[in-house]
Amino acid sequence: MNQHLREHLSPQDIRRYNQREMSPTELLTVDDHLAMCAACRGQLCDEETAQATFRFLRNNLQSETQTHIPYEQLAAYVDNLADDVGREIVQSHLELCSDCAIEVEDLRTFRAEMQSLRLEKKDVDSRQRLWERFAGIWQLPVYRFALQAGGFAVIVLVVAWLSTVRLRRHVADLETQISVLQQTSETIQQQASRITELQEQLTKLQQSQMQLASSGEGALAIYDGGGLVTVDRQGNIAGLTVSPELNRTLRAVLTSGRIKIPNLTGLRGKRGTLLGGRGEGLPFALIGPLGVVETDRPIFRWRSLIGATVYTVHVYDANFIKVVDSTPQLETEWRVSRPLERGRIYSWQVVAMKDGKELLSPTPPAPEAKFKVLEQGAADELARARRDHADSHLVLGTLYAQAGLLDEAEAEFKTLASANPNSEVIKNLLRTVRAARTH
């Protein structure tokens, strides 16, 4: 050991130091050497090696199943390097997947620990530089003579005090390292438990993949409602029991990555203007209904107008003939008092009473606030789908999109994307619905 300390720590010494196999005397000797030797400290705290090891473990865990976010995507999310769509997919997935949420917290904890180690290393380097400057001053003849002649006893006391401080700091550092090792041990135990769970999931996935492989090459598989839905090369769907017509629809959607959305330009084209409010012809914003609505008794909502006392809602048909009026409302919402006719397009306005005057929103040149009540057949189909396929976000999202219920369709495809973060097909469906909402 002494021969090593005159030069550098050997790999065996570093291993014994890290694993706490040294005696207390050896630990103090090695600590003194580390305080003066930057090369050995670098071997003891190699951040790049630690990160590579951590990344290797994460990648091994990630490769065992396709139901979780890849490590690189999680790392980009933690480091704020992911784009908006990537961050939204990860956040949605974390709300449903406790395993990935734990992994994100582990990444954040790891980043914090590595930052702490870097700060600790800088502190040791700073103490070493201070000692080297003091030693340099001591080598100058004039200062050496003055110190030796006038204060040798004081120097002895100072050195003894500094030695005590260094010992206390070493003890504190050792206690900190012990605490970190205990936390690391707990994390390893949690990871071991998680590996066991992943192995069980992997066995089930391998069985599903074997069945999928036997169905033909070029197959597509997604996770929907806790199960595996596959489409083989011939377009046959497995894992989801639907009617022949809906089967054909889903097959076309999954194989093409596109979905047919009705033309809603006349209903939703100016939605952003109406929601923005405070423009010419729009003294306050209208929230909804705008676009297609499923219910025949929608709730009308709008923003409040400062100073307004009551509001009145007027609903008109496509010929601008008044269909129904509300009573004066104190709140900023009102449910229509009787069912509206399905398959018809309506427009609506809100009159606010302020300072004894009526303010109407919207009025020209602002666009009309329009909506369409969904046809009875489409409404019945959606009701059956929610009853028979309540857990299938693929089925509900497809039917919502085809009916023009874009808000509902986006919510379903967003959930589906969080369960299939690597599926370009699902990402394309989500982008298609969002693009239709903004046009």
Protein backbone atom coordinates (compact mmCIF):
# COMPACT_ATOMS: atom_id res chain seq x y z
CA MET A 1 0.00 0.00 0.00
CA ASN A 2 2.77 2.53 0.89
CA GLN A 3 4.58 1.84 -2.37
CA HIS A 4 1.34 2.50 -4.22
CA LEU A 5 0.77 5.80 -2.46
CA ARG A 6 4.23 7.03 -3.43
CA GLU A 7 3.12 6.60 -7.05
CA HIS A 8 -0.61 6.09 -7.81
CA LEU A 9 -3.41 3.88 -6.55
CA SER A 10 -3.53 0.50 -8.27
CA PRO A 11 -6.82 -0.86 -9.74
CA GLN A 12 -6.93 -3.29 -6.82
CA ASP A 13 -6.65 -0.41 -4.34
CA ILE A 14 -9.43 1.52 -6.11
CA ARG A 15 -11.66 -1.54 -6.14
CA ARG A 16 -11.06 -2.19 -2.42
CA TYR A 17 -11.67 1.49 -1.66
CA ASN A 18 -14.97 1.55 -3.59
CA GLN A 19 -16.17 -1.68 -1.96
CA ARG A 20 -15.10 -0.52 1.54
CA GLU A 21 -12.78 -3.48 2.07
CA MET A 22 -9.94 -1.36 3.55
CA SER A 23 -9.24 -0.89 7.23
CA PRO A 24 -9.85 2.53 8.80
CA THR A 25 -6.11 3.29 8.70
CA GLU A 26 -5.89 2.39 5.02
CA LEU A 27 -8.98 4.50 4.25
CA LEU A 28 -7.44 7.58 5.87
CA THR A 29 -4.14 7.01 4.03
CA VAL A 30 -5.91 6.67 0.69
CA ASP A 31 -8.05 9.75 1.44
CA ASP A 32 -4.88 11.79 2.04
CA HIS A 33 -3.46 10.57 -1.26
CA LEU A 34 -6.69 11.37 -3.14
CA ALA A 35 -6.66 14.90 -1.74
CA MET A 36 -3.24 15.49 -3.37
CA CYS A 37 -3.50 13.33 -6.54
CA ALA A 38 -5.87 14.45 -9.30
CA ALA A 39 -5.08 11.41 -11.47
CA CYS A 40 -6.30 8.93 -8.86
CA ARG A 41 -9.42 11.03 -8.15
CA GLY A 42 -10.20 10.91 -11.85
CA GLN A 43 -10.02 7.10 -11.82
CA LEU A 44 -12.19 6.99 -8.69
CA CYS A 45 -14.97 9.24 -10.12
CA ASP A 46 -15.16 8.62 -13.85
CA GLU A 47 -18.45 10.22 -14.77
CA GLU A 48 -18.40 9.01 -18.38
CA THR A 49 -17.98 5.41 -17.23
CA ALA A 50 -20.84 5.78 -14.75
CA GLN A 51 -23.11 7.26 -17.39
CA ALA A 52 -22.20 4.53 -19.90
CA THR A 53 -22.96 1.83 -17.33
CA PHE A 54 -26.27 3.45 -16.40
CA ARG A 55 -27.22 3.82 -20.09
CA PHE A 56 -26.33 0.15 -20.72
CA LEU A 57 -28.63 -0.98 -17.88
CA ARG A 58 -31.45 1.24 -19.09
CA ASN A 59 -31.11 0.04 -22.68
CA ASN A 60 -31.19 -3.60 -21.52
CA LEU A 61 -34.42 -2.95 -19.64
CA GLN A 62 -35.88 -1.03 -22.54
CA SER A 63 -35.12 -3.72 -25.10
CA GLU A 64 -37.16 -6.33 -23.26
CA THR A 65 -40.55 -4.89 -24.26
CA GLN A 66 -42.09 -2.51 -26.70
CA THR A 67 -44.74 -1.28 -24.29
CA HIS A 68 -42.47 1.36 -22.69
CA ILE A 69 -40.79 4.55 -23.87
CA PRO A 70 -37.20 3.96 -25.18
CA TYR A 71 -34.36 5.19 -22.96
CA GLU A 72 -33.15 7.75 -25.53
CA GLN A 73 -36.64 9.29 -25.68
CA LEU A 74 -36.90 9.42 -21.88
CA ALA A 75 -33.41 10.97 -21.63
CA ALA A 76 -34.36 13.62 -24.20
CA TYR A 77 -37.53 14.34 -22.19
CA VAL A 78 -35.57 14.70 -18.90
CA ASP A 79 -32.95 16.93 -20.60
CA ASN A 80 -35.68 19.10 -22.27
CA LEU A 81 -34.45 18.12 -25.76
CA ALA A 82 -37.68 16.51 -27.04
CA ASP A 83 -40.02 18.33 -29.45
CA ASP A 84 -43.63 19.21 -28.53
CA VAL A 85 -45.16 16.02 -29.94
CA GLY A 86 -42.47 13.89 -28.28
CA ARG A 87 -42.96 15.58 -24.89
CA GLU A 88 -46.74 15.20 -25.13
CA ILE A 89 -46.47 11.50 -25.98
CA VAL A 90 -44.07 10.88 -23.07
CA GLN A 91 -46.23 12.86 -20.62
CA SER A 92 -49.37 10.99 -21.69
CA HIS A 93 -47.52 7.66 -21.40
CA LEU A 94 -46.23 8.53 -17.92
CA GLU A 95 -49.80 9.14 -16.73
CA LEU A 96 -50.65 5.53 -17.65
CA CYS A 97 -47.32 3.73 -17.05
CA SER A 98 -45.94 3.77 -13.51
CA ASP A 99 -42.82 1.88 -14.62
CA CYS A 100 -41.75 4.60 -17.07
CA ALA A 101 -42.64 7.26 -14.48
CA ILE A 102 -40.28 5.55 -12.00
CA GLU A 103 -37.58 5.42 -14.68
CA VAL A 104 -37.94 9.16 -15.35
CA GLU A 105 -37.56 9.88 -11.62
CA ASP A 106 -34.48 7.61 -11.55
CA LEU A 107 -32.97 9.56 -14.44
CA ARG A 108 -33.61 12.86 -12.70
CA THR A 109 -32.11 11.52 -9.46
CA PHE A 110 -29.07 10.23 -11.35
CA ARG A 111 -28.54 13.61 -13.02
CA ALA A 112 -28.71 15.32 -9.60
CA GLU A 113 -26.24 12.85 -8.05
CA MET A 114 -23.75 13.31 -10.89
CA GLN A 115 -24.01 17.10 -10.54
CA SER A 116 -23.32 16.71 -6.80
CA LEU A 117 -20.25 14.57 -7.53
CA ARG A 118 -18.94 17.18 -9.97
CA LEU A 119 -19.32 19.91 -7.33
CA GLU A 120 -17.58 17.71 -4.75
CA LYS A 121 -14.70 17.09 -7.15
CA LYS A 122 -14.32 20.83 -7.80
CA ASP A 123 -14.19 21.44 -4.04
CA VAL A 124 -11.36 18.89 -3.61
CA ASP A 125 -9.43 20.47 -6.51
CA SER A 126 -9.87 23.91 -4.94
CA ARG A 127 -8.46 22.70 -1.60
CA GLN A 128 -5.50 21.13 -3.40
CA ARG A 129 -4.71 24.35 -5.27
CA LEU A 130 -4.84 26.30 -2.00
CA TRP A 131 -2.36 23.86 -0.42
CA GLU A 132 -0.05 24.09 -3.44
CA ARG A 133 -0.04 27.90 -3.28
CA PHE A 134 0.78 27.78 0.42
CA ALA A 135 3.59 25.32 -0.24
CA GLY A 136 4.95 27.60 -3.00
CA ILE A 137 5.06 30.55 -0.64
CA TRP A 138 6.85 28.41 1.91
CA GLN A 139 9.63 27.70 -0.61
CA LEU A 140 10.52 31.42 -0.94
CA PRO A 141 13.59 32.13 1.26
CA VAL A 142 12.34 35.38 2.77
CA TYR A 143 9.00 33.93 3.86
CA ARG A 144 10.52 30.67 5.03
CA PHE A 145 13.02 32.50 7.21
CA ALA A 146 10.34 34.79 8.69
CA LEU A 147 8.00 31.93 9.48
CA GLN A 148 10.72 29.75 10.92
CA ALA A 149 12.13 32.54 13.05
CA GLY A 150 8.93 34.10 14.35
CA GLY A 151 6.13 31.54 14.48
CA PHE A 152 7.08 27.90 14.25
CA ALA A 153 4.98 27.06 17.28
CA VAL A 154 1.96 28.80 15.76
CA ILE A 155 2.43 26.85 12.53
CA VAL A 156 2.42 23.60 14.46
CA LEU A 157 -0.90 24.53 16.07
CA VAL A 158 -2.40 25.55 12.73
CA VAL A 159 -1.26 22.34 11.04
CA ALA A 160 -2.75 20.29 13.89
CA TRP A 161 -6.03 22.20 13.58
CA LEU A 162 -6.08 21.75 9.79
CA SER A 163 -5.44 18.05 10.20
CA THR A 164 -8.43 17.81 12.52
CA VAL A 165 -10.62 19.71 10.04
CA ARG A 166 -9.51 17.42 7.23
CA LEU A 167 -10.30 14.36 9.34
CA ARG A 168 -13.78 15.67 10.14
CA ARG A 169 -14.37 16.37 6.48
CA HIS A 170 -13.22 12.88 5.57
CA VAL A 171 -15.63 11.40 8.10
CA ALA A 172 -18.47 13.54 6.71
CA ASP A 173 -17.58 12.50 3.15
CA LEU A 174 -17.57 8.84 4.15
CA GLU A 175 -20.98 9.19 5.80
CA THR A 176 -22.32 10.84 2.64
CA GLN A 177 -20.93 8.08 0.46
CA ILE A 178 -22.45 5.43 2.74
CA SER A 179 -25.84 7.14 2.43
CA VAL A 180 -25.51 7.23 -1.36
CA LEU A 181 -24.58 3.56 -1.44
CA GLN A 182 -27.60 2.67 0.69
CA GLN A 183 -29.89 4.58 -1.68
CA THR A 184 -28.24 2.88 -4.65
CA SER A 185 -28.80 -0.50 -3.03
CA GLU A 186 -32.51 0.27 -2.59
CA THR A 187 -32.72 1.37 -6.22
CA ILE A 188 -31.07 -1.85 -7.38
CA GLN A 189 -33.57 -3.88 -5.39
CA GLN A 190 -36.44 -1.97 -6.99
CA GLN A 191 -34.92 -2.52 -10.43
CA ALA A 192 -34.57 -6.23 -9.72
CA SER A 193 -38.25 -6.42 -8.85
CA ARG A 194 -39.09 -4.54 -12.01
CA ILE A 195 -36.94 -6.91 -14.09
CA THR A 196 -38.99 -9.81 -12.76
CA GLU A 197 -42.20 -8.09 -13.84
CA LEU A 198 -40.72 -7.30 -17.25
CA GLN A 199 -39.67 -10.89 -17.72
CA GLU A 200 -43.25 -11.99 -17.14
CA GLN A 201 -44.49 -9.41 -19.64
CA LEU A 202 -41.78 -10.46 -22.08
CA THR A 203 -42.94 -14.06 -21.95
CA LYS A 204 -46.47 -13.00 -22.85
CA LEU A 205 -45.20 -10.74 -25.62
CA GLN A 206 -43.03 -13.49 -27.06
CA GLN A 207 -46.04 -15.74 -27.24
CA SER A 208 -47.99 -13.02 -29.05
CA GLN A 209 -45.08 -12.38 -31.39
CA MET A 210 -44.84 -16.07 -32.25
CA GLN A 211 -48.50 -16.07 -33.17
CA LEU A 212 -47.97 -12.88 -35.16
CA ALA A 213 -44.97 -14.32 -37.01
CA SER A 214 -46.96 -17.36 -38.03
CA SER A 215 -49.63 -15.14 -39.58
CA GLY A 216 -47.27 -13.79 -42.28
CA GLU A 217 -44.52 -11.25 -42.87
CA GLY A 218 -45.10 -7.51 -42.87
CA ALA A 219 -47.68 -7.66 -40.03
CA LEU A 220 -48.63 -4.62 -37.94
CA ALA A 221 -49.21 -4.79 -34.18
CA ILE A 222 -50.47 -2.15 -31.74
CA TYR A 223 -51.52 -2.22 -28.11
CA ASP A 224 -55.10 -1.15 -27.55
CA GLY A 225 -57.17 -1.46 -24.40
CA GLY A 226 -54.66 -3.73 -22.70
CA GLY A 227 -54.51 -6.21 -25.62
CA LEU A 228 -52.58 -6.78 -28.82
CA VAL A 229 -54.30 -5.91 -32.12
CA THR A 230 -52.57 -7.19 -35.26
CA VAL A 231 -53.03 -6.82 -39.00
CA ASP A 232 -51.31 -9.42 -41.14
CA ARG A 233 -50.02 -9.00 -44.66
CA GLN A 234 -53.39 -9.93 -46.13
CA GLY A 235 -55.13 -7.26 -44.03
CA ASN A 236 -56.76 -9.63 -41.54
CA ILE A 237 -57.31 -8.13 -38.09
CA ALA A 238 -56.76 -10.23 -34.96
CA GLY A 239 -57.28 -9.33 -31.31
CA LEU A 240 -60.41 -7.24 -31.91
CA THR A 241 -63.90 -8.55 -32.67
CA VAL A 242 -65.93 -6.04 -34.70
CA SER A 243 -68.58 -6.04 -37.41
CA PRO A 244 -67.47 -6.75 -41.00
CA GLU A 245 -68.03 -3.12 -41.99
CA LEU A 246 -66.02 -1.77 -39.05
CA ASN A 247 -63.37 -4.42 -39.73
CA ARG A 248 -62.90 -3.07 -43.25
CA THR A 249 -62.73 0.49 -41.94
CA LEU A 250 -60.10 -0.32 -39.30
CA ARG A 251 -58.08 -2.37 -41.78
CA ALA A 252 -57.93 0.59 -44.17
CA VAL A 253 -57.01 2.97 -41.35
CA LEU A 254 -54.19 0.78 -39.97
CA THR A 255 -52.68 -0.18 -43.31
CA SER A 256 -52.73 3.35 -44.75
CA GLY A 257 -52.19 5.42 -41.61
CA ARG A 258 -54.92 7.80 -42.82
CA ILE A 259 -58.51 8.38 -41.77
CA LYS A 260 -61.45 9.91 -43.63
CA ILE A 261 -62.72 13.07 -41.93
CA PRO A 262 -65.79 14.95 -43.21
CA ASN A 263 -65.36 18.46 -44.58
CA LEU A 264 -66.06 20.79 -41.67
CA THR A 265 -64.75 24.01 -43.20
CA GLY A 266 -68.08 25.78 -42.89
CA LEU A 267 -68.39 24.82 -39.22
CA ARG A 268 -64.88 25.01 -37.74
CA GLY A 269 -62.95 27.22 -40.14
CA LYS A 270 -63.16 30.30 -37.90
CA ARG A 271 -63.14 28.55 -34.55
CA GLY A 272 -59.93 30.23 -33.45
CA THR A 273 -61.40 33.67 -34.08
CA LEU A 274 -64.51 32.89 -32.04
CA LEU A 275 -62.49 31.43 -29.20
CA GLY A 276 -60.11 34.39 -29.18
CA GLY A 277 -62.73 37.05 -28.53
CA ARG A 278 -62.35 40.83 -28.17
CA GLY A 279 -62.29 41.64 -31.88
CA GLU A 280 -64.42 43.56 -34.33
CA GLY A 281 -67.91 42.06 -34.16
CA LEU A 282 -66.89 39.85 -31.22
CA PRO A 283 -66.95 41.72 -27.88
CA PHE A 284 -66.53 38.43 -25.95
CA ALA A 285 -65.53 34.92 -27.00
CA LEU A 286 -67.88 31.98 -27.64
CA ILE A 287 -66.57 28.63 -26.40
CA GLY A 288 -69.06 26.14 -27.84
CA PRO A 289 -70.78 24.31 -29.38
CA LEU A 290 -68.68 24.81 -32.53
CA GLY A 291 -68.36 22.09 -35.18
CA VAL A 292 -70.14 18.74 -34.75
CA VAL A 293 -71.84 17.78 -31.48
CA GLU A 294 -73.19 14.36 -30.57
CA THR A 295 -75.96 15.38 -28.20
CA ASP A 296 -79.18 17.01 -29.41
CA ARG A 297 -79.28 19.13 -26.25
CA PRO A 298 -75.87 20.81 -26.22
CA ILE A 299 -74.61 23.16 -23.52
CA PHE A 300 -73.81 26.68 -24.79
CA ARG A 301 -70.75 28.29 -23.15
CA TRP A 302 -69.12 31.71 -23.56
CA ARG A 303 -66.60 34.00 -21.88
CA SER A 304 -67.79 36.58 -19.40
CA LEU A 305 -67.93 40.27 -20.33
CA ILE A 306 -66.71 42.67 -17.64
CA GLY A 307 -69.64 44.73 -16.40
CA ALA A 308 -72.35 42.53 -17.95
CA THR A 309 -75.31 41.71 -15.69
CA VAL A 310 -77.24 39.03 -17.66
CA TYR A 311 -76.89 37.06 -20.89
CA THR A 312 -79.45 35.71 -23.38
CA VAL A 313 -78.78 32.98 -25.97
CA HIS A 314 -80.50 32.92 -29.40
CA VAL A 315 -80.35 29.78 -31.59
CA TYR A 316 -81.14 29.90 -35.35
CA ASP A 317 -81.51 27.32 -38.11
CA ALA A 318 -79.62 27.36 -41.42
CA ASN A 319 -82.10 29.94 -42.81
CA PHE A 320 -81.46 32.17 -39.82
CA ILE A 321 -84.94 31.52 -38.45
CA LYS A 322 -84.97 31.63 -34.65
CA VAL A 323 -85.43 28.17 -33.16
CA VAL A 324 -85.15 28.76 -29.40
CA ASP A 325 -84.20 31.49 -26.91
CA SER A 326 -82.87 31.21 -23.37
CA THR A 327 -84.17 33.02 -20.38
CA PRO A 328 -81.82 35.73 -19.00
CA GLN A 329 -78.80 33.94 -17.56
CA LEU A 330 -76.53 35.07 -14.74
CA GLU A 331 -73.93 32.41 -15.51
CA THR A 332 -71.88 31.95 -18.70
CA GLU A 333 -73.50 28.68 -19.82
CA TRP A 334 -76.94 27.37 -20.73
CA ARG A 335 -78.33 24.00 -21.85
CA VAL A 336 -80.92 24.20 -24.59
CA SER A 337 -84.39 23.60 -23.18
CA ARG A 338 -85.61 21.13 -25.85
CA PRO A 339 -83.91 18.67 -28.25
CA LEU A 340 -82.67 20.08 -31.54
CA GLU A 341 -83.26 18.26 -34.82
CA ARG A 342 -80.49 15.84 -35.72
CA GLY A 343 -78.54 16.27 -38.93
CA ARG A 344 -79.28 20.02 -39.02
CA ILE A 345 -76.85 22.95 -38.89
CA TYR A 346 -77.52 25.76 -36.40
CA SER A 347 -75.97 29.10 -35.52
CA TRP A 348 -76.13 30.96 -32.22
CA GLN A 349 -75.52 34.34 -30.62
CA VAL A 350 -75.28 35.65 -27.08
CA VAL A 351 -76.65 39.06 -26.00
CA ALA A 352 -74.96 40.63 -22.96
CA MET A 353 -76.66 43.43 -21.04
CA LYS A 354 -74.13 46.03 -19.89
CA ASP A 355 -74.85 49.55 -18.59
CA GLY A 356 -78.39 49.30 -19.92
CA LYS A 357 -77.20 48.43 -23.44
CA GLU A 358 -77.24 45.18 -25.40
CA LEU A 359 -73.95 43.82 -26.79
CA LEU A 360 -74.32 41.00 -29.31
CA SER A 361 -71.59 38.41 -29.99
CA PRO A 362 -70.83 37.58 -32.73
CA THR A 363 -71.91 40.14 -35.32
CA PRO A 364 -70.46 40.94 -38.77
CA PRO A 365 -67.66 41.08 -39.76
CA ALA A 366 -66.94 38.29 -37.26
CA PRO A 367 -67.89 34.78 -38.55
CA GLU A 368 -71.04 33.04 -37.40
CA ALA A 369 -70.89 30.54 -34.55
CA LYS A 370 -72.13 27.34 -36.18
CA PHE A 371 -72.57 23.72 -35.16
CA LYS A 372 -74.16 20.55 -36.50
CA VAL A 373 -76.12 17.99 -34.47
CA LEU A 374 -74.92 14.50 -35.36
CA GLU A 375 -77.29 12.29 -37.37
CA GLN A 376 -79.22 9.66 -35.42
CA GLY A 377 -77.56 6.71 -37.19
CA ALA A 378 -74.05 7.94 -36.40
CA ALA A 379 -75.07 8.68 -32.79
CA ASP A 380 -76.46 5.15 -32.41
CA GLU A 381 -73.26 3.65 -33.86
CA LEU A 382 -71.16 5.59 -31.37
CA ALA A 383 -73.37 4.47 -28.49
CA ARG A 384 -72.94 0.83 -29.55
CA ALA A 385 -69.18 1.27 -29.88
CA ARG A 386 -68.90 2.73 -26.38
CA ARG A 387 -70.93 -0.20 -25.07
CA ASP A 388 -69.16 -3.01 -26.96
CA HIS A 389 -65.64 -1.54 -27.26
CA ALA A 390 -65.33 0.76 -24.28
CA ASP A 391 -61.61 -0.08 -23.90
CA SER A 392 -60.68 0.27 -27.58
CA HIS A 393 -59.25 3.71 -28.27
CA LEU A 394 -58.67 2.65 -31.87
CA VAL A 395 -62.36 1.93 -32.50
CA LEU A 396 -63.67 4.99 -30.67
CA GLY A 397 -61.07 7.36 -32.15
CA THR A 398 -61.82 6.13 -35.69
CA LEU A 399 -65.59 6.48 -35.32
CA TYR A 400 -65.31 9.89 -33.65
CA ALA A 401 -63.08 11.17 -36.45
CA GLN A 402 -65.38 9.86 -39.17
CA ALA A 403 -68.33 11.54 -37.46
CA GLY A 404 -66.50 14.88 -37.28
CA LEU A 405 -66.18 14.82 -33.46
CA LEU A 406 -62.55 15.90 -33.64
CA ASP A 407 -62.05 16.85 -29.99
CA GLU A 408 -63.16 13.38 -28.88
CA ALA A 409 -61.13 11.69 -31.65
CA GLU A 410 -57.97 13.55 -30.64
CA ALA A 411 -58.37 12.45 -27.01
CA GLU A 412 -58.68 8.77 -28.04
CA PHE A 413 -55.71 8.82 -30.44
CA LYS A 414 -53.62 10.69 -27.89
CA THR A 415 -54.20 7.88 -25.37
CA LEU A 416 -53.46 5.30 -28.07
CA ALA A 417 -50.21 7.08 -28.97
CA SER A 418 -49.06 7.02 -25.34
CA ALA A 419 -49.50 3.23 -25.32
CA ASN A 420 -47.67 2.91 -28.67
CA PRO A 421 -44.90 5.55 -28.57
CA ASN A 422 -43.00 3.93 -31.45
CA SER A 423 -45.94 3.49 -33.84
CA GLU A 424 -45.76 5.85 -36.81
CA VAL A 425 -49.25 4.77 -37.87
CA ILE A 426 -50.82 6.03 -34.64
CA LYS A 427 -48.75 9.24 -34.77
CA ASN A 428 -50.02 9.90 -38.30
CA LEU A 429 -53.63 9.42 -37.19
CA LEU A 430 -53.14 11.87 -34.34
CA ARG A 431 -51.53 14.43 -36.67
CA THR A 432 -54.37 14.04 -39.17
CA VAL A 433 -57.04 14.81 -36.58
CA ARG A 434 -55.12 17.79 -35.20
CA ALA A 435 -54.61 19.19 -38.68
CA ALA A 436 -58.35 18.93 -39.36
CA ARG A 437 -59.10 20.84 -36.15
CA THR A 438 -56.94 23.80 -37.19
CA HIS A 439 -58.42 24.15 -40.70
